[in-house]
Amino acid sequence: MTDRTATDLPPAPPDTERDIAVVDHLRKAEYQILWLRWIGIVGWALILWRGGAMADAGWAWAVYAGGVAYTGFAHWRVAGDRPILSSARITTVGDPLLVTLMCIFTGGLASVFFPFYYFTLLAAVFRFGVRETLGLLALTYALAVLLYVAAPGPSPTPADLLIGLFYLGFSAALGIMLARWAQENLDLARDKARALGIARDRAKELARRLIQTEEDERRRAAADIHDRMSGHLFALRQGADRAHDAGLSAAVAALSSDVRTLMNEMHPTVLDDLGFLVAVEEYVAGQRDQVPFSISLDLDPALRNWHCRSDAMLFRILQEALLNVRKHAGAGNVSISFRRDGANAARLEIADDGAGFDPQSPAPGHFGVLTMRERAGALGGSLEVLSRPGQGARLVVRVPGGEKA
C-alpha cells in the first residue's frame, strides 16, 4: 500500500468547503467581538464607578468581577487553539446571562445595562444566522421576563415589559435584515469576481492562442521562404560561378545572407533544432555587429538542454527587449541572463544602463512592454519591469519550465 500526498487526494466536496468557510467566518467574527466585549467591560467599570441607579453596588461590583473573569476566559478560548464553534456557543449564551446578572443588581428592566441585550442579539446575527438568532431572542425574552418578575428597583409595569420585548425583537429583526443585505452584497461581489476571473482566463487563453497562431504563421512563412528561395539561390550561385562574375557572386552571397537573416528573424530554425540557449547565442552574436552597445551573456549551463514549447515566445520577448533598447534607451551596455528560478521555472533578465523610463507612464504609442507582458502571460509566466528615468532598466521574465516540446 503506497502513501498518498495531499495533491493525490480528491478535492474536498462542496459541503466540506462550505463548512471551512463558515468556520473561518465564525473565527473572524468571534475575534472581533472579543475586543468589543473588552471595550464593554471597560465601559461597565465607568458606569459602576459613577454609581448610577444601582440597587446594590456591592453585588454589582461582584458581578463585574465575574464579568472580567468571564471575558478573560472567552479571550483564552478564542485566542487559543480551541474549537471555535463551541467557544462561540458559550459566549452567545454567556453574554446575555452576564447582562441579566448585572441588570438584577442595577435596576432590572430600567437598568442602564439593559441595552447590552441588543448588542448580544446583533452579534449572534453576524456570527450564526437567523435560526440561532431567533433561539437567542427567545432566551433573551425569558431573561427579560425574569427581570420583570424578580429584579429589584423601580416597580415595572406590563407596559415596560412589552416595550423592552419590542425593542429586543426590533434589534433582532434589524440585525437579520442587515446581515441578509450584507450577505446578498457579498454574494453579488463573489459572482462578479467569479465572472471577472472567467473573463480574465478566457482573455489570457485567447491571447495565448493568438500569439501561438502568429508564431506558427511565422514558422510556416520561414519554411515557405526556405523551400521557394533555396533552389533559386543555389541556381544563381552556380550560374555566377560558371560565369566567373565576382560581382554577381558577391550579390548572390549577400542575397543568401539576407534571406537567412529574414528567416531567422521570422523563426530561427536553430530554436527548433538545438534549443533556446543556442538560439540566443547565435542571435546575440549576429546582433553585436549591428547594435551600438555591448552585450554580455550569462547563460546557465544547467539549462543547455532547455527545449520547451514556449521557447519561441520567450525568444520574441528577448528580440522585443533588445529592439526597445536599441530604439529608445541610448545604452552603452546590455546584459542578458537566463538561469533557473526554483525547481520548475526559469528567469530571463535583460538589463541596460540607458536612459530608463517610468514603467507606470510609458510614452504614448510605445507598446513594447505591453506586448512582452502579454507574451509572458501567455506562457503562464510574468514580466516585471524595474526602471527609473536616468537609471537604466531591467526586465525580469519568469516562465514555468520542464515542459518538453
Protein backbone atom coordinates (compact mmCIF):
# COMPACT_ATOMS: atom_id res chain seq x y z
CA MET A 1 0.00 0.00 0.00
CA THR A 2 1.52 3.33 -1.06
CA ASP A 3 1.32 6.65 0.75
CA ARG A 4 -0.74 9.38 -0.84
CA THR A 5 0.26 13.00 -0.75
CA ALA A 6 -2.20 15.88 -0.31
CA THR A 7 -2.11 16.56 -4.03
CA ASP A 8 -3.12 12.95 -4.76
CA LEU A 9 -6.26 13.24 -2.68
CA PRO A 10 -9.57 14.15 -4.36
CA PRO A 11 -10.75 17.74 -3.90
CA ALA A 12 -12.87 18.44 -0.87
CA PRO A 13 -16.63 18.13 -1.50
CA PRO A 14 -18.63 21.36 -1.62
CA ASP A 15 -20.15 20.76 1.83
CA THR A 16 -16.69 20.50 3.36
CA GLU A 17 -15.51 23.66 1.61
CA ARG A 18 -18.63 25.44 2.81
CA ASP A 19 -18.06 24.24 6.38
CA ILE A 20 -14.49 25.51 6.27
CA ALA A 21 -15.69 28.90 5.05
CA VAL A 22 -18.29 29.04 7.85
CA VAL A 23 -15.68 28.21 10.48
CA ASP A 24 -13.31 30.86 9.12
CA HIS A 25 -16.09 33.45 9.17
CA LEU A 26 -17.05 32.46 12.71
CA ARG A 27 -13.46 32.70 13.91
CA LYS A 28 -13.04 36.21 12.48
CA ALA A 29 -16.37 37.37 13.90
CA GLU A 30 -15.67 35.91 17.34
CA TYR A 31 -12.24 37.50 17.44
CA GLN A 32 -13.69 40.94 16.63
CA ILE A 33 -16.50 40.53 19.15
CA LEU A 34 -13.87 39.58 21.71
CA TRP A 35 -12.36 43.07 21.58
CA LEU A 36 -15.80 44.69 21.64
CA ARG A 37 -16.51 42.67 24.78
CA TRP A 38 -13.39 44.08 26.43
CA ILE A 39 -14.45 47.60 25.46
CA GLY A 40 -17.87 46.88 27.01
CA ILE A 41 -16.24 45.69 30.23
CA VAL A 42 -14.25 48.92 30.46
CA GLY A 43 -17.47 50.87 29.87
CA TRP A 44 -19.20 48.90 32.60
CA ALA A 45 -16.48 49.92 35.07
CA LEU A 46 -17.05 53.58 34.26
CA ILE A 47 -20.82 53.19 34.67
CA LEU A 48 -20.44 51.45 38.01
CA TRP A 49 -17.91 54.00 39.17
CA ARG A 50 -20.42 56.78 38.55
CA GLY A 51 -22.90 54.72 40.60
CA GLY A 52 -25.97 55.43 38.56
CA ALA A 53 -29.26 53.72 39.58
CA MET A 54 -27.76 50.76 41.41
CA ALA A 55 -29.79 48.86 43.97
CA ASP A 56 -26.80 47.07 45.43
CA ALA A 57 -23.37 48.42 44.49
CA GLY A 58 -21.50 45.64 46.29
CA TRP A 59 -23.22 42.85 44.37
CA ALA A 60 -22.92 44.83 41.15
CA TRP A 61 -19.14 45.04 41.56
CA ALA A 62 -19.07 41.35 42.37
CA VAL A 63 -20.90 40.59 39.13
CA TYR A 64 -18.50 42.92 37.33
CA ALA A 65 -15.53 40.98 38.70
CA GLY A 66 -17.16 37.80 37.42
CA GLY A 67 -17.65 39.53 34.05
CA VAL A 68 -13.94 40.34 33.86
CA ALA A 69 -13.12 36.69 34.62
CA TYR A 70 -15.67 35.52 32.02
CA THR A 71 -14.23 37.89 29.37
CA GLY A 72 -10.73 36.64 30.13
CA PHE A 73 -11.97 33.05 29.78
CA ALA A 74 -13.61 33.88 26.44
CA HIS A 75 -10.39 35.52 25.28
CA TRP A 76 -8.41 32.44 26.27
CA ARG A 77 -10.72 30.17 24.31
CA VAL A 78 -10.91 32.32 21.18
CA ALA A 79 -7.23 33.25 21.02
CA GLY A 80 -6.11 29.73 21.84
CA ASP A 81 -6.41 26.58 19.79
CA ARG A 82 -9.91 25.73 20.98
CA PRO A 83 -12.87 24.66 18.79
CA ILE A 84 -14.31 27.96 17.65
CA LEU A 85 -17.85 26.67 17.29
CA SER A 86 -18.11 25.62 20.94
CA SER A 87 -16.43 28.88 22.03
CA ALA A 88 -18.97 30.90 20.04
CA ARG A 89 -21.87 28.96 21.53
CA ILE A 90 -20.55 29.50 25.06
CA THR A 91 -20.22 33.25 24.59
CA THR A 92 -23.53 33.55 22.72
CA VAL A 93 -25.32 32.23 25.81
CA GLY A 94 -22.90 33.67 28.34
CA ASP A 95 -23.19 37.28 27.19
CA PRO A 96 -26.96 37.70 27.87
CA LEU A 97 -26.64 35.79 31.15
CA LEU A 98 -23.95 38.23 32.29
CA VAL A 99 -26.14 41.17 31.25
CA THR A 100 -29.05 39.67 33.21
CA LEU A 101 -26.99 39.34 36.39
CA MET A 102 -25.82 42.92 36.11
CA CYS A 103 -29.38 44.16 35.47
CA ILE A 104 -30.67 42.30 38.54
CA PHE A 105 -28.50 44.43 40.81
CA THR A 106 -28.73 47.71 38.92
CA GLY A 107 -32.41 48.36 38.34
CA GLY A 108 -33.99 45.44 36.48
CA LEU A 109 -35.73 46.44 33.25
CA ALA A 110 -34.75 50.08 33.95
CA SER A 111 -31.05 49.25 34.29
CA VAL A 112 -28.57 51.21 32.20
CA PHE A 113 -27.12 47.82 31.25
CA PHE A 114 -30.34 46.56 29.63
CA PRO A 115 -29.38 47.88 26.12
CA PHE A 116 -26.46 45.45 26.07
CA TYR A 117 -29.06 42.78 25.26
CA TYR A 118 -29.40 44.44 21.85
CA PHE A 119 -25.69 44.05 21.18
CA THR A 120 -25.75 40.36 22.07
CA LEU A 121 -28.56 39.81 19.54
CA LEU A 122 -26.74 41.72 16.79
CA ALA A 123 -23.56 39.77 17.50
CA ALA A 124 -25.46 36.49 17.19
CA VAL A 125 -26.83 37.52 13.78
CA PHE A 126 -23.41 38.17 12.31
CA ARG A 127 -21.89 35.10 13.92
CA PHE A 128 -24.53 32.49 13.08
CA GLY A 129 -27.67 33.42 11.21
CA VAL A 130 -31.43 33.65 11.51
CA ARG A 131 -32.24 30.37 13.28
CA GLU A 132 -29.67 30.80 16.05
CA THR A 133 -30.64 34.47 16.48
CA LEU A 134 -34.29 33.55 16.93
CA GLY A 135 -33.26 31.00 19.55
CA LEU A 136 -31.21 33.64 21.37
CA LEU A 137 -34.13 36.07 21.11
CA ALA A 138 -36.36 33.51 22.84
CA LEU A 139 -33.73 33.16 25.61
CA THR A 140 -33.47 36.93 25.93
CA TYR A 141 -37.25 37.25 26.17
CA ALA A 142 -37.23 34.72 29.02
CA LEU A 143 -34.45 36.63 30.79
CA ALA A 144 -36.36 39.91 30.37
CA VAL A 145 -39.46 38.33 31.91
CA LEU A 146 -37.26 37.09 34.77
CA LEU A 147 -36.07 40.65 35.35
CA TYR A 148 -39.66 41.86 35.34
CA VAL A 149 -40.65 39.29 37.97
CA ALA A 150 -37.61 39.08 40.23
CA ALA A 151 -35.39 42.14 39.82
CA PRO A 152 -35.42 44.90 42.44
CA GLY A 153 -35.57 48.57 41.54
CA PRO A 154 -38.45 50.74 40.36
CA SER A 155 -41.64 48.73 40.08
CA PRO A 156 -42.01 47.90 36.38
CA THR A 157 -45.37 47.81 34.67
CA PRO A 158 -46.55 45.35 31.99
CA ALA A 159 -46.12 48.21 29.53
CA ASP A 160 -42.43 48.48 30.50
CA LEU A 161 -42.01 44.77 29.83
CA LEU A 162 -43.78 44.97 26.48
CA ILE A 163 -41.64 47.93 25.43
CA GLY A 164 -38.49 46.06 26.40
CA LEU A 165 -39.61 42.97 24.50
CA PHE A 166 -40.49 45.10 21.47
CA TYR A 167 -37.04 46.68 21.36
CA LEU A 168 -35.40 43.30 21.73
CA GLY A 169 -37.39 41.90 18.82
CA PHE A 170 -36.77 45.04 16.77
CA SER A 171 -32.99 44.85 17.28
CA ALA A 172 -33.02 41.17 16.27
CA ALA A 173 -35.08 41.94 13.15
CA LEU A 174 -32.79 44.84 12.24
CA GLY A 175 -29.75 42.64 12.67
CA ILE A 176 -31.25 39.91 10.49
CA MET A 177 -32.11 42.44 7.79
CA LEU A 178 -28.61 43.94 7.82
CA ALA A 179 -26.99 40.51 7.81
CA ARG A 180 -29.07 39.40 4.82
CA TRP A 181 -28.31 42.63 2.99
CA ALA A 182 -24.59 42.16 3.65
CA GLN A 183 -24.77 38.52 2.52
CA GLU A 184 -26.57 39.45 -0.68
CA ASN A 185 -23.95 42.07 -1.48
CA LEU A 186 -21.19 39.61 -0.65
CA ASP A 187 -22.74 37.00 -2.95
CA LEU A 188 -23.05 39.62 -5.69
CA ALA A 189 -19.42 40.62 -5.26
CA ARG A 190 -18.37 36.97 -5.39
CA ASP A 191 -20.40 36.41 -8.56
CA LYS A 192 -18.80 39.43 -10.19
CA ALA A 193 -15.35 38.34 -9.10
CA ARG A 194 -16.01 34.86 -10.47
CA ALA A 195 -17.24 36.31 -13.77
CA LEU A 196 -14.21 38.59 -13.99
CA GLY A 197 -11.94 35.63 -13.27
CA ILE A 198 -13.57 33.61 -16.06
CA ALA A 199 -13.28 36.56 -18.44
CA ARG A 200 -9.63 37.04 -17.49
CA ASP A 201 -8.86 33.38 -18.06
CA ARG A 202 -10.62 33.47 -21.41
CA ALA A 203 -8.75 36.61 -22.44
CA LYS A 204 -5.47 35.04 -21.39
CA GLU A 205 -6.26 31.88 -23.33
CA LEU A 206 -7.25 33.94 -26.37
CA ALA A 207 -4.01 35.92 -26.15
CA ARG A 208 -2.04 32.69 -25.87
CA ARG A 209 -3.78 31.26 -28.93
CA LEU A 210 -3.29 34.45 -30.95
CA ILE A 211 0.39 34.60 -30.07
CA GLN A 212 0.82 30.92 -30.80
CA THR A 213 -1.01 31.35 -34.12
CA GLU A 214 1.28 34.24 -35.01
CA GLU A 215 4.32 32.12 -34.18
CA ASP A 216 3.00 29.22 -36.24
CA GLU A 217 2.45 31.57 -39.18
CA ARG A 218 6.00 32.88 -38.82
CA ARG A 219 7.32 29.33 -38.79
CA ARG A 220 5.33 28.38 -41.88
CA ALA A 221 6.34 31.57 -43.70
CA ALA A 222 10.02 30.97 -42.90
CA ALA A 223 9.76 27.39 -44.11
CA ASP A 224 7.97 28.57 -47.26
CA ILE A 225 10.70 31.12 -47.99
CA HIS A 226 13.33 28.46 -47.46
CA ASP A 227 11.61 25.99 -49.77
CA ARG A 228 10.99 28.54 -52.55
CA MET A 229 14.19 30.55 -52.38
CA SER A 230 16.85 27.96 -51.64
CA GLY A 231 16.63 26.34 -55.08
CA HIS A 232 16.70 29.67 -56.91
CA LEU A 233 19.63 30.95 -54.85
CA PHE A 234 21.55 27.73 -55.46
CA ALA A 235 20.97 28.07 -59.22
CA LEU A 236 22.05 31.71 -59.14
CA ARG A 237 25.18 30.81 -57.23
CA GLN A 238 26.09 28.11 -59.74
CA GLY A 239 25.43 30.48 -62.66
CA ALA A 240 27.60 33.17 -61.11
CA ASP A 241 30.39 30.66 -60.52
CA ARG A 242 30.24 29.43 -64.14
CA ALA A 243 30.25 32.99 -65.42
CA HIS A 244 33.21 33.82 -63.22
CA ASP A 245 31.47 37.07 -62.33
CA ALA A 246 32.83 38.12 -58.93
CA GLY A 247 30.32 40.94 -58.53
CA LEU A 248 27.38 38.67 -59.26
CA SER A 249 28.75 36.04 -56.88
CA ALA A 250 29.05 38.65 -54.13
CA ALA A 251 25.50 39.87 -54.79
CA VAL A 252 24.18 36.29 -54.63
CA ALA A 253 26.07 35.70 -51.37
CA ALA A 254 24.65 38.92 -49.90
CA LEU A 255 21.15 37.94 -51.03
CA SER A 256 21.56 34.48 -49.47
CA SER A 257 22.71 36.11 -46.22
CA ASP A 258 19.73 38.49 -46.23
CA VAL A 259 17.31 35.61 -46.81
CA ARG A 260 18.85 33.63 -43.95
CA THR A 261 18.61 36.69 -41.69
CA LEU A 262 14.99 37.23 -42.66
CA MET A 263 14.18 33.57 -41.97
CA ASN A 264 15.91 33.71 -38.60
CA GLU A 265 14.08 36.90 -37.72
CA MET A 266 10.79 35.23 -38.57
CA HIS A 267 11.60 31.97 -36.84
CA PRO A 268 15.13 30.75 -36.02
CA THR A 269 15.46 27.17 -37.21
CA VAL A 270 18.11 26.59 -34.56
CA LEU A 271 15.40 27.23 -31.96
CA ASP A 272 13.64 24.04 -33.01
CA ASP A 273 16.81 22.06 -33.67
CA LEU A 274 19.18 22.98 -30.83
CA GLY A 275 17.07 24.81 -28.28
CA PHE A 276 16.71 28.22 -26.69
CA LEU A 277 20.24 28.75 -25.38
CA VAL A 278 21.92 28.10 -28.73
CA ALA A 279 19.38 30.33 -30.47
CA VAL A 280 20.13 33.13 -28.01
CA GLU A 281 23.87 32.74 -28.51
CA GLU A 282 23.55 32.87 -32.29
CA TYR A 283 21.12 35.78 -32.23
CA VAL A 284 23.30 37.84 -29.88
CA ALA A 285 26.39 37.04 -31.95
CA GLY A 286 24.62 38.41 -35.01
CA GLN A 287 23.39 41.50 -33.14
CA ARG A 288 26.78 42.52 -31.72
CA ASP A 289 27.91 43.92 -35.08
CA GLN A 290 24.64 45.79 -35.65
CA VAL A 291 23.84 47.48 -32.33
CA PRO A 292 25.60 50.50 -30.75
CA PHE A 293 26.07 48.82 -27.37
CA SER A 294 27.96 45.87 -25.97
CA ILE A 295 26.07 42.71 -24.99
CA SER A 296 27.13 40.29 -22.27
CA LEU A 297 25.61 36.83 -21.83
CA ASP A 298 25.14 34.82 -18.64
CA LEU A 299 23.51 31.52 -19.57
CA ASP A 300 23.12 28.76 -17.02
CA PRO A 301 24.91 25.63 -18.32
CA ALA A 302 22.33 23.54 -16.49
CA LEU A 303 19.75 24.87 -18.96
CA ARG A 304 21.72 23.77 -22.02
CA ASN A 305 19.05 21.13 -22.78
CA TRP A 306 16.16 23.51 -22.18
CA HIS A 307 13.73 22.90 -25.03
CA CYS A 308 10.08 23.84 -24.47
CA ARG A 309 7.04 24.75 -26.49
CA SER A 310 7.32 28.23 -25.02
CA ASP A 311 10.80 28.86 -26.46
CA ALA A 312 9.58 30.83 -29.47
CA MET A 313 7.53 33.24 -27.34
CA LEU A 314 10.40 33.68 -24.90
CA PHE A 315 12.72 34.36 -27.82
CA ARG A 316 10.30 37.03 -29.09
CA ILE A 317 10.45 38.76 -25.72
CA LEU A 318 14.24 38.87 -25.97
CA GLN A 319 14.03 40.29 -29.50
CA GLU A 320 11.49 42.92 -28.46
CA ALA A 321 13.58 43.92 -25.44
CA LEU A 322 16.75 44.39 -27.49
CA LEU A 323 14.80 46.32 -30.12
CA ASN A 324 13.43 48.67 -27.45
CA VAL A 325 16.92 49.21 -26.02
CA ARG A 326 18.25 49.98 -29.48
CA LYS A 327 15.45 52.43 -30.35
CA HIS A 328 14.87 54.23 -27.04
CA ALA A 329 17.44 53.54 -24.31
CA GLY A 330 20.68 55.01 -25.67
CA ALA A 331 22.51 52.38 -23.63
CA GLY A 332 26.19 51.54 -23.72
CA ASN A 333 25.93 48.10 -22.14
CA VAL A 334 23.28 45.39 -22.08
CA SER A 335 23.40 42.18 -20.04
CA ILE A 336 21.30 39.09 -20.72
CA SER A 337 20.88 36.37 -18.12
CA PHE A 338 18.95 33.10 -18.34
CA ARG A 339 19.01 30.95 -15.22
CA ARG A 340 16.91 28.59 -13.12
CA ASP A 341 14.33 30.19 -10.85
CA GLY A 342 13.45 27.40 -8.47
CA ALA A 343 12.92 23.78 -9.39
CA ASN A 344 10.28 24.27 -12.08
CA ALA A 345 10.84 27.72 -13.56
CA ALA A 346 13.42 29.84 -15.34
CA ARG A 347 14.21 33.55 -15.27
CA LEU A 348 15.26 35.68 -18.24
CA GLU A 349 16.71 39.09 -17.37
CA ILE A 350 17.64 41.87 -19.77
CA ALA A 351 19.28 44.92 -18.17
CA ASP A 352 20.72 48.08 -19.69
CA ASP A 353 22.43 51.25 -18.46
CA GLY A 354 20.44 53.55 -20.70
CA ALA A 355 18.06 56.45 -20.16
CA GLY A 356 15.46 54.43 -18.26
CA PHE A 357 11.78 55.33 -18.03
CA ASP A 358 8.77 55.27 -15.74
CA PRO A 359 7.06 51.86 -16.15
CA GLN A 360 3.80 53.34 -14.85
CA SER A 361 3.74 56.07 -17.52
CA PRO A 362 5.05 54.72 -20.84
CA ALA A 363 5.43 57.16 -23.71
CA PRO A 364 2.36 57.43 -26.00
CA GLY A 365 2.46 54.92 -28.81
CA HIS A 366 5.05 52.69 -27.11
CA PHE A 367 3.56 49.22 -26.66
CA GLY A 368 6.74 47.15 -26.33
CA VAL A 369 6.37 46.43 -22.61
CA LEU A 370 2.68 45.64 -23.06
CA THR A 371 3.46 43.21 -25.88
CA MET A 372 6.17 41.48 -23.85
CA ARG A 373 3.88 41.25 -20.81
CA GLU A 374 1.16 39.64 -22.92
CA ARG A 375 3.63 37.12 -24.28
CA ALA A 376 4.90 36.32 -20.78
CA GLY A 377 1.32 35.90 -19.56
CA ALA A 378 0.56 33.61 -22.48
CA LEU A 379 3.46 31.44 -21.31
CA GLY A 380 1.88 31.17 -17.88
CA GLY A 381 4.63 33.39 -16.52
CA SER A 382 5.13 37.02 -15.57
CA LEU A 383 7.13 40.07 -16.61
CA GLU A 384 8.46 42.65 -14.16
CA VAL A 385 9.89 45.99 -15.28
CA LEU A 386 12.33 47.76 -12.94
CA SER A 387 13.34 51.17 -14.20
CA ARG A 388 13.66 54.85 -13.34
CA PRO A 389 14.43 57.80 -15.59
CA GLY A 390 18.19 58.15 -15.91
CA GLN A 391 18.92 54.83 -14.13
CA GLY A 392 18.59 52.24 -16.86
CA ALA A 393 16.07 49.43 -16.99
CA ARG A 394 15.82 45.77 -16.08
CA LEU A 395 13.23 43.33 -17.40
CA VAL A 396 12.65 40.12 -15.45
CA VAL A 397 10.67 37.38 -17.18
CA ARG A 398 9.72 34.29 -15.17
CA VAL A 399 8.33 31.30 -17.03
CA PRO A 400 7.47 27.75 -15.98
CA GLY A 401 9.97 25.16 -17.15
CA GLY A 402 10.40 21.44 -17.57
CA GLU A 403 7.75 21.01 -20.27
CA LYS A 404 9.36 19.24 -23.20
CA ALA A 405 8.44 20.13 -26.72
